[in-house]
PDB file of N, CA and C in Angstrom:
ATOM      1  N   MET A   1       0.661 -11.860   0.283  1.00  0.00           N
ATOM      2  CA  MET A   1       1.031 -11.380   1.784  1.00  0.00           C
ATOM      3  C   MET A   1       0.294  -9.627   1.591  1.00  0.00           C
ATOM      4  N   LYS A   2      -0.421  -9.418   2.826  1.00  0.00           N
ATOM      5  CA  LYS A   2      -0.952  -7.988   2.818  1.00  0.00           C
ATOM      6  C   LYS A   2      -0.453  -7.603   4.369  1.00  0.00           C
ATOM      7  N   LEU A   3      -0.021  -6.750   4.523  1.00  0.00           N
ATOM      8  CA  LEU A   3       0.021  -6.608   5.462  1.00  0.00           C
ATOM      9  C   LEU A   3      -0.597  -4.807   5.572  1.00  0.00           C
ATOM     10  N   THR A   4      -1.306  -4.305   6.517  1.00  0.00           N
ATOM     11  CA  THR A   4      -2.419  -2.926   6.890  1.00  0.00           C
ATOM     12  C   THR A   4      -1.201  -1.829   7.410  1.00  0.00           C
ATOM     13  N   GLN A   5      -1.780  -0.750   7.002  1.00  0.00           N
ATOM     14  CA  GLN A   5      -0.476   0.440   7.478  1.00  0.00           C
ATOM     15  C   GLN A   5      -0.597   0.413   8.979  1.00  0.00           C
ATOM     16  N   GLN A   6      -1.924   0.147   9.622  1.00  0.00           N
ATOM     17  CA  GLN A   6      -1.766   0.045  11.032  1.00  0.00           C
ATOM     18  C   GLN A   6      -0.693  -0.756  11.766  1.00  0.00           C
ATOM     19  N   HIS A   7      -0.897  -2.125  11.085  1.00  0.00           N
ATOM     20  CA  HIS A   7       0.067  -3.360  11.825  1.00  0.00           C
ATOM     21  C   HIS A   7       1.167  -2.754  11.715  1.00  0.00           C
ATOM     22  N   LEU A   8       1.671  -2.377  10.640  1.00  0.00           N
ATOM     23  CA  LEU A   8       3.657  -1.651  10.107  1.00  0.00           C
ATOM     24  C   LEU A   8       3.624  -0.598  11.005  1.00  0.00           C
ATOM     25  N   LYS A   9       2.789   0.349  11.284  1.00  0.00           N
ATOM     26  CA  LYS A   9       3.086   1.497  12.461  1.00  0.00           C
ATOM     27  C   LYS A   9       3.660   0.846  13.234  1.00  0.00           C
ATOM     28  N   LYS A  10       2.946  -0.583  13.692  1.00  0.00           N
ATOM     29  CA  LYS A  10       3.403  -1.018  15.105  1.00  0.00           C
ATOM     30  C   LYS A  10       4.177  -2.215  14.923  1.00  0.00           C
ATOM     31  N   HIS A  11       5.271  -2.526  13.583  1.00  0.00           N
ATOM     32  CA  HIS A  11       5.908  -2.963  13.402  1.00  0.00           C
ATOM     33  C   HIS A  11       6.307  -3.128  12.304  1.00  0.00           C
ATOM     34  N   PRO A  12       7.087  -1.803  12.292  1.00  0.00           N
ATOM     35  CA  PRO A  12       7.700  -1.570  11.251  1.00  0.00           C
ATOM     36  C   PRO A  12       8.900  -2.503   9.785  1.00  0.00           C
ATOM     37  N   GLU A  13       9.379  -3.729  11.338  1.00  0.00           N
ATOM     38  CA  GLU A  13      10.595  -4.587  10.652  1.00  0.00           C
ATOM     39  C   GLU A  13       9.787  -5.509   9.111  1.00  0.00           C
ATOM     40  N   LYS A  14       8.659  -5.704   9.567  1.00  0.00           N
ATOM     41  CA  LYS A  14       7.952  -6.522   9.027  1.00  0.00           C
ATOM     42  C   LYS A  14       7.664  -5.779   7.398  1.00  0.00           C
ATOM     43  N   LEU A  15       8.387  -4.311   6.822  1.00  0.00           N
ATOM     44  CA  LEU A  15       8.287  -4.094   5.948  1.00  0.00           C
ATOM     45  C   LEU A  15       9.513  -4.951   5.106  1.00  0.00           C
ATOM     46  N   GLU A  16      10.394  -5.493   5.686  1.00  0.00           N
ATOM     47  CA  GLU A  16      11.326  -5.742   4.982  1.00  0.00           C
ATOM     48  C   GLU A  16      11.340  -7.284   4.145  1.00  0.00           C
ATOM     49  N   ARG A  17       9.720  -7.919   4.968  1.00  0.00           N
ATOM     50  CA  ARG A  17       9.428  -9.034   3.585  1.00  0.00           C
ATOM     51  C   ARG A  17       8.765  -8.913   2.355  1.00  0.00           C
ATOM     52  N   PHE A  18       8.828  -7.132   2.273  1.00  0.00           N
ATOM     53  CA  PHE A  18       8.072  -6.922   0.629  1.00  0.00           C
ATOM     54  C   PHE A  18       9.584  -6.565   0.180  1.00  0.00           C
ATOM     55  N   ASN A  19       9.449  -7.045  -1.083  1.00  0.00           N
ATOM     56  CA  ASN A  19      10.123  -6.015  -2.111  1.00  0.00           C
ATOM     57  C   ASN A  19       9.370  -5.321  -3.045  1.00  0.00           C
ATOM     58  N   ARG A  20       8.486  -6.080  -3.379  1.00  0.00           N
ATOM     59  CA  ARG A  20       7.777  -5.086  -4.739  1.00  0.00           C
ATOM     60  C   ARG A  20       5.643  -4.745  -4.024  1.00  0.00           C
ATOM     61  N   VAL A  21       5.376  -3.840  -4.081  1.00  0.00           N
ATOM     62  CA  VAL A  21       4.044  -4.243  -3.877  1.00  0.00           C
ATOM     63  C   VAL A  21       3.198  -3.070  -4.687  1.00  0.00           C
ATOM     64  N   ARG A  22       1.576  -3.483  -4.443  1.00  0.00           N
ATOM     65  CA  ARG A  22       0.237  -2.387  -4.598  1.00  0.00           C
ATOM     66  C   ARG A  22      -0.073  -2.117  -3.320  1.00  0.00           C
ATOM     67  N   ILE A  23      -0.562  -0.919  -3.275  1.00  0.00           N
ATOM     68  CA  ILE A  23      -0.911  -0.220  -2.322  1.00  0.00           C
ATOM     69  C   ILE A  23      -2.852  -0.196  -2.536  1.00  0.00           C
ATOM     70  N   TRP A  24      -3.081  -0.850  -1.594  1.00  0.00           N
ATOM     71  CA  TRP A  24      -4.842  -0.882  -1.058  1.00  0.00           C
ATOM     72  C   TRP A  24      -5.450   0.218  -0.685  1.00  0.00           C
ATOM     73  N   SER A  25      -6.476   1.073  -1.228  1.00  0.00           N
ATOM     74  CA  SER A  25      -7.123   1.534  -0.241  1.00  0.00           C
ATOM     75  C   SER A  25      -8.626   1.177  -0.322  1.00  0.00           C
ATOM     76  N   GLY A  26      -8.259   0.548   1.554  1.00  0.00           N
ATOM     77  CA  GLY A  26      -9.830   0.201   1.754  1.00  0.00           C
ATOM     78  C   GLY A  26     -11.001   1.303   1.786  1.00  0.00           C
ATOM     79  N   GLU A  27     -10.479   2.861   1.731  1.00  0.00           N
ATOM     80  CA  GLU A  27     -11.509   3.265   1.945  1.00  0.00           C
ATOM     81  C   GLU A  27     -12.366   3.946   0.972  1.00  0.00           C
ATOM     82  N   TRP A  28     -11.725   3.439  -0.508  1.00  0.00           N
ATOM     83  CA  TRP A  28     -12.530   3.409  -1.781  1.00  0.00           C
ATOM     84  C   TRP A  28     -12.230   2.116  -2.096  1.00  0.00           C
ATOM     85  N   HIS A  29     -11.772   1.420  -1.894  1.00  0.00           N
ATOM     86  CA  HIS A  29     -11.386  -0.274  -2.080  1.00  0.00           C
ATOM     87  C   HIS A  29     -11.012  -0.232  -3.931  1.00  0.00           C
ATOM     88  N   MET A  30     -10.083   0.304  -3.677  1.00  0.00           N
ATOM     89  CA  MET A  30      -9.392   0.542  -5.029  1.00  0.00           C
ATOM     90  C   MET A  30      -8.013   0.399  -4.974  1.00  0.00           C
ATOM     91  N   TRP A  31      -7.379   0.469  -5.886  1.00  0.00           N
ATOM     92  CA  TRP A  31      -5.629   0.174  -6.001  1.00  0.00           C
ATOM     93  C   TRP A  31      -4.993   2.119  -6.671  1.00  0.00           C
ATOM     94  N   TRP A  32      -4.282   1.881  -5.839  1.00  0.00           N
ATOM     95  CA  TRP A  32      -3.364   3.201  -6.117  1.00  0.00           C
ATOM     96  C   TRP A  32      -2.708   2.754  -7.990  1.00  0.00           C
ATOM     97  N   ARG A  33      -2.740   3.736  -8.540  1.00  0.00           N
ATOM     98  CA  ARG A  33      -2.083   3.793 -10.040  1.00  0.00           C
ATOM     99  C   ARG A  33      -0.730   4.028  -9.187  1.00  0.00           C
ATOM    100  N   CYS A  34      -0.096   3.648 -11.047  1.00  0.00           N
ATOM    101  CA  CYS A  34       0.962   3.670 -11.387  1.00  0.00           C
ATOM    102  C   CYS A  34       1.774   5.946 -10.920  1.00  0.00           C
ATOM    103  N   SER A  35       2.507   5.353 -10.152  1.00  0.00           N
ATOM    104  CA  SER A  35       3.172   7.012 -10.136  1.00  0.00           C
ATOM    105  C   SER A  35       1.843   7.795  -8.949  1.00  0.00           C
ATOM    106  N   ALA A  36       1.142   6.506  -8.176  1.00  0.00           N
ATOM    107  CA  ALA A  36       0.296   7.476  -7.092  1.00  0.00           C
ATOM    108  C   ALA A  36      -0.760   8.360  -7.700  1.00  0.00           C
ATOM    109  N   GLN A  37      -1.013   8.058  -8.877  1.00  0.00           N
ATOM    110  CA  GLN A  37      -1.824   9.040  -9.457  1.00  0.00           C
ATOM    111  C   GLN A  37      -3.588   8.587  -9.767  1.00  0.00           C
ATOM    112  N   GLY A  38      -4.343   8.590  -8.951  1.00  0.00           N
ATOM    113  CA  GLY A  38      -5.743   7.846  -8.941  1.00  0.00           C
ATOM    114  C   GLY A  38      -5.804   6.744  -8.604  1.00  0.00           C
ATOM    115  N   TYR A  39      -6.758   6.554  -8.296  1.00  0.00           N
ATOM    116  CA  TYR A  39      -7.191   4.541  -8.447  1.00  0.00           C
ATOM    117  C   TYR A  39      -8.133   3.897  -9.649  1.00  0.00           C
ATOM    118  N   THR A  40      -7.429   2.617  -8.902  1.00  0.00           N
ATOM    119  CA  THR A  40      -8.621   1.615 -10.385  1.00  0.00           C
ATOM    120  C   THR A  40      -9.037   0.389  -9.251  1.00  0.00           C
ATOM    121  N   GLY A  41     -10.138  -0.122 -10.205  1.00  0.00           N
ATOM    122  CA  GLY A  41     -10.855  -1.259  -9.385  1.00  0.00           C
ATOM    123  C   GLY A  41     -10.191  -2.175 -10.156  1.00  0.00           C
ATOM    124  N   HIS A  42      -9.397  -2.478 -10.991  1.00  0.00           N
ATOM    125  CA  HIS A  42      -8.333  -3.432 -11.572  1.00  0.00           C
ATOM    126  C   HIS A  42      -6.978  -3.770 -10.873  1.00  0.00           C
ATOM    127  N   MET A  43      -6.974  -4.814 -10.673  1.00  0.00           N
ATOM    128  CA  MET A  43      -5.119  -4.928  -9.850  1.00  0.00           C
ATOM    129  C   MET A  43      -4.459  -5.076 -11.240  1.00  0.00           C
ATOM    130  N   ASP A  44      -4.613  -5.169 -12.268  1.00  0.00           N
ATOM    131  CA  ASP A  44      -4.128  -5.509 -13.222  1.00  0.00           C
ATOM    132  C   ASP A  44      -3.569  -3.699 -13.913  1.00  0.00           C
ATOM    133  N   GLU A  45      -4.261  -2.978 -13.419  1.00  0.00           N
ATOM    134  CA  GLU A  45      -3.960  -1.256 -13.512  1.00  0.00           C
ATOM    135  C   GLU A  45      -2.987  -0.593 -12.521  1.00  0.00           C
ATOM    136  N   ALA A  46      -3.247  -1.674 -11.174  1.00  0.00           N
ATOM    137  CA  ALA A  46      -2.335  -1.130 -10.208  1.00  0.00           C
ATOM    138  C   ALA A  46      -1.212  -0.742 -10.320  1.00  0.00           C
ATOM    139  N   GLY A  47      -0.613   0.456  -9.327  1.00  0.00           N
ATOM    140  CA  GLY A  47       1.165   0.615  -9.533  1.00  0.00           C
ATOM    141  C   GLY A  47       1.614  -0.406  -9.153  1.00  0.00           C
ATOM    142  N   VAL A  48       2.908  -0.445  -9.138  1.00  0.00           N
ATOM    143  CA  VAL A  48       3.680  -1.419  -8.477  1.00  0.00           C
ATOM    144  C   VAL A  48       4.699  -0.520  -7.750  1.00  0.00           C
ATOM    145  N   PHE A  49       5.025  -0.592  -6.558  1.00  0.00           N
ATOM    146  CA  PHE A  49       6.103   0.245  -5.897  1.00  0.00           C
ATOM    147  C   PHE A  49       6.773  -0.276  -5.056  1.00  0.00           C
ATOM    148  N   ASP A  50       8.042   0.027  -5.167  1.00  0.00           N
ATOM    149  CA  ASP A  50       9.150  -0.028  -4.235  1.00  0.00           C
ATOM    150  C   ASP A  50       8.504  -0.691  -2.752  1.00  0.00           C
ATOM    151  N   ALA A  51       8.602  -1.370  -2.049  1.00  0.00           N
ATOM    152  CA  ALA A  51       7.848  -1.568  -0.649  1.00  0.00           C
ATOM    153  C   ALA A  51       7.914  -0.175  -0.104  1.00  0.00           C
ATOM    154  N   TYR A  52       9.711   0.080   0.180  1.00  0.00           N
ATOM    155  CA  TYR A  52       9.999   1.566   0.997  1.00  0.00           C
ATOM    156  C   TYR A  52       9.451   2.557   0.618  1.00  0.00           C
ATOM    157  N   ASP A  53       9.753   2.741  -0.434  1.00  0.00           N
ATOM    158  CA  ASP A  53       8.958   3.897  -1.390  1.00  0.00           C
ATOM    159  C   ASP A  53       7.572   3.852  -0.945  1.00  0.00           C
ATOM    160  N   ALA A  54       6.290   3.142  -1.257  1.00  0.00           N
ATOM    161  CA  ALA A  54       5.404   2.717  -0.981  1.00  0.00           C
ATOM    162  C   ALA A  54       4.660   3.172   0.521  1.00  0.00           C
ATOM    163  N   TRP A  55       5.879   2.981   1.047  1.00  0.00           N
ATOM    164  CA  TRP A  55       5.641   3.250   3.122  1.00  0.00           C
ATOM    165  C   TRP A  55       5.662   4.377   2.992  1.00  0.00           C
ATOM    166  N   GLY A  56       6.932   4.988   2.368  1.00  0.00           N
ATOM    167  CA  GLY A  56       7.028   6.471   2.433  1.00  0.00           C
ATOM    168  C   GLY A  56       5.435   7.203   2.108  1.00  0.00           C
ATOM    169  N   ARG A  57       5.022   6.833   1.219  1.00  0.00           N
ATOM    170  CA  ARG A  57       3.942   7.378   0.475  1.00  0.00           C
ATOM    171  C   ARG A  57       2.467   7.295   1.179  1.00  0.00           C
ATOM    172  N   VAL A  58       2.367   6.452   2.500  1.00  0.00           N
ATOM    173  CA  VAL A  58       1.256   6.231   2.615  1.00  0.00           C
ATOM    174  C   VAL A  58       1.541   6.392   4.606  1.00  0.00           C
ATOM    175  N   ALA A  59       2.950   6.059   5.046  1.00  0.00           N
ATOM    176  CA  ALA A  59       2.762   6.426   6.419  1.00  0.00           C
ATOM    177  C   ALA A  59       1.846   7.431   7.540  1.00  0.00           C
ATOM    178  N   HIS A  60       2.258   8.473   6.504  1.00  0.00           N
ATOM    179  CA  HIS A  60       1.077   9.276   7.170  1.00  0.00           C
ATOM    180  C   HIS A  60      -0.074   9.436   7.267  1.00  0.00           C
ATOM    181  N   CYS A  61      -0.834   8.475   6.127  1.00  0.00           N
ATOM    182  CA  CYS A  61      -1.941   8.552   6.518  1.00  0.00           C
ATOM    183  C   CYS A  61      -2.884   8.031   7.638  1.00  0.00           C
ATOM    184  N   GLY A  62      -4.525   8.654   7.856  1.00  0.00           N
ATOM    185  CA  GLY A  62      -4.934   8.298   9.279  1.00  0.00           C
ATOM    186  C   GLY A  62      -5.502   6.528   8.807  1.00  0.00           C
ATOM    187  N   PRO A  63      -5.980   6.286  10.333  1.00  0.00           N
ATOM    188  CA  PRO A  63      -6.490   4.816   9.835  1.00  0.00           C
ATOM    189  C   PRO A  63      -7.885   4.602   9.206  1.00  0.00           C
ATOM    190  N   GLU A  64      -8.545   5.984   8.377  1.00  0.00           N
ATOM    191  CA  GLU A  64      -9.632   6.205   8.163  1.00  0.00           C
ATOM    192  C   GLU A  64      -9.379   5.657   6.575  1.00  0.00           C
ATOM    193  N   LYS A  65      -8.178   5.424   6.315  1.00  0.00           N
ATOM    194  CA  LYS A  65      -7.861   4.988   4.795  1.00  0.00           C
ATOM    195  C   LYS A  65      -7.501   3.685   4.155  1.00  0.00           C
ATOM    196  N   LYS A  66      -7.799   3.290   5.551  1.00  0.00           N
ATOM    197  CA  LYS A  66      -7.533   1.644   5.432  1.00  0.00           C
ATOM    198  C   LYS A  66      -6.751   1.288   4.671  1.00  0.00           C
ATOM    199  N   ILE A  67      -5.468   2.145   4.722  1.00  0.00           N
ATOM    200  CA  ILE A  67      -4.159   0.900   3.793  1.00  0.00           C
ATOM    201  C   ILE A  67      -3.566   0.186   3.603  1.00  0.00           C
ATOM    202  N   SER A  68      -3.073  -0.656   2.744  1.00  0.00           N
ATOM    203  CA  SER A  68      -2.625  -2.105   3.089  1.00  0.00           C
ATOM    204  C   SER A  68      -1.834  -1.911   1.784  1.00  0.00           C
ATOM    205  N   LEU A  69      -0.517  -2.319   2.370  1.00  0.00           N
ATOM    206  CA  LEU A  69       0.389  -2.737   1.403  1.00  0.00           C
ATOM    207  C   LEU A  69       0.543  -4.507   1.031  1.00  0.00           C
ATOM    208  N   VAL A  70       0.271  -4.758  -0.077  1.00  0.00           N
ATOM    209  CA  VAL A  70       0.169  -6.124  -0.949  1.00  0.00           C
ATOM    210  C   VAL A  70       1.003  -6.524  -1.691  1.00  0.00           C
ATOM    211  N   ALA A  71       1.947  -7.754  -1.386  1.00  0.00           N
ATOM    212  CA  ALA A  71       2.965  -8.177  -2.207  1.00  0.00           C
ATOM    213  C   ALA A  71       2.617  -8.537  -3.802  1.00  0.00           C
ATOM    214  N   ALA A  72       3.441  -7.567  -4.394  1.00  0.00           N
ATOM    215  CA  ALA A  72       2.817  -7.633  -5.770  1.00  0.00           C
ATOM    216  C   ALA A  72       3.594  -8.917  -7.014  1.00  0.00           C
TER     217      ALA A  72
END
């Protein structure tokens, strides 16, 4: 399951559907790495975040970043 940042801004209650997530950057077409330190093109190298922690890291980003949270 995947939800975009823009959708979550309108429907924050949907964050409850997630436990652990990966963060996708549509701007770079890459995944955020563990501890949000850089990007990777390989999902198996992507960081896995608590959903609320991930939301706290990306909620402020602008729509040009094209951020999505993807269930891990």
